[in-house]
Amino acid sequence: MLVLSLTSKDGRVLIGPPEKPIGVVELIRIGPDGKVRVGFDFPKDIPVNRESVAKSIIASGVRKPRA
């Protein structure tokens, strides 16, 4: 697994080639309790899951279609 740590003035990171990115990751806000809200904007055919959800999907062997 590759972990990429970035600093961005506008809080947006493009994923994929600069000419045609496949998605955007955006820092929405950091709450007073330190919780970070992150937004993901990807096409519906690209699954985006929290790690706990991904592990559950793998364990069940069943992949539910995205709405």
Protein backbone atom coordinates (compact mmCIF):
# COMPACT_ATOMS: atom_id res chain seq x y z
CA MET A 1 0.00 0.00 0.00
CA LEU A 2 1.23 3.47 -0.83
CA VAL A 3 0.58 6.28 1.65
CA LEU A 4 0.86 9.80 0.32
CA SER A 5 0.92 12.78 2.65
CA LEU A 6 0.21 16.10 0.96
CA THR A 7 -0.05 19.75 1.81
CA SER A 8 -2.46 21.74 -0.32
CA LYS A 9 -3.43 25.39 0.04
CA ASP A 10 -6.95 24.84 -1.25
CA GLY A 11 -7.50 21.47 0.44
CA ARG A 12 -8.10 19.59 -2.84
CA VAL A 13 -5.97 16.79 -4.28
CA LEU A 14 -6.53 15.42 -7.78
CA ILE A 15 -6.12 11.67 -8.19
CA GLY A 16 -4.80 10.43 -11.52
CA PRO A 17 -3.10 12.16 -14.43
CA PRO A 18 -3.25 15.99 -14.23
CA GLU A 19 -4.78 16.21 -17.72
CA LYS A 20 -7.69 13.91 -16.82
CA PRO A 21 -7.96 13.14 -13.09
CA ILE A 22 -10.19 10.24 -12.09
CA GLY A 23 -11.25 11.80 -8.80
CA VAL A 24 -10.78 14.47 -6.17
CA VAL A 25 -10.08 14.18 -2.46
CA GLU A 26 -10.99 17.32 -0.51
CA LEU A 27 -10.45 18.40 3.08
CA ILE A 28 -13.88 19.66 4.11
CA ARG A 29 -13.13 20.75 7.68
CA ILE A 30 -11.37 20.02 10.92
CA GLY A 31 -13.77 20.17 13.86
CA PRO A 32 -13.00 21.59 17.30
CA ASP A 33 -12.73 18.02 18.59
CA GLY A 34 -10.00 17.26 16.03
CA LYS A 35 -12.20 15.13 13.77
CA VAL A 36 -11.37 15.57 10.12
CA ARG A 37 -14.09 15.55 7.46
CA VAL A 38 -12.84 14.48 4.03
CA GLY A 39 -14.82 14.45 0.79
CA PHE A 40 -14.28 12.04 -2.10
CA ASP A 41 -15.54 12.83 -5.59
CA PHE A 42 -15.11 9.80 -7.86
CA PRO A 43 -17.17 8.23 -10.64
CA LYS A 44 -19.75 5.70 -9.40
CA ASP A 45 -17.85 2.80 -10.95
CA ILE A 46 -14.85 3.39 -8.65
CA PRO A 47 -15.53 2.02 -5.16
CA VAL A 48 -14.57 4.29 -2.26
CA ASN A 49 -14.90 2.66 1.19
CA ARG A 50 -13.61 3.12 4.70
CA GLU A 51 -11.12 0.42 5.65
CA SER A 52 -13.59 -1.23 8.04
CA VAL A 53 -16.22 -1.45 5.29
CA ALA A 54 -13.70 -2.79 2.78
CA LYS A 55 -12.64 -5.53 5.23
CA SER A 56 -16.28 -6.47 5.78
CA ILE A 57 -16.88 -6.69 2.02
CA ILE A 58 -13.82 -8.90 1.59
CA ALA A 59 -14.80 -11.14 4.52
CA SER A 60 -18.35 -11.61 3.26
CA GLY A 61 -17.26 -12.31 -0.30
CA VAL A 62 -20.25 -10.28 -1.48
CA ARG A 63 -19.89 -6.95 -3.18
CA LYS A 64 -22.98 -4.75 -3.22
CA PRO A 65 -23.50 -2.50 -6.24
CA ARG A 66 -23.25 1.24 -5.63
CA ALA A 67 -26.43 3.26 -5.86
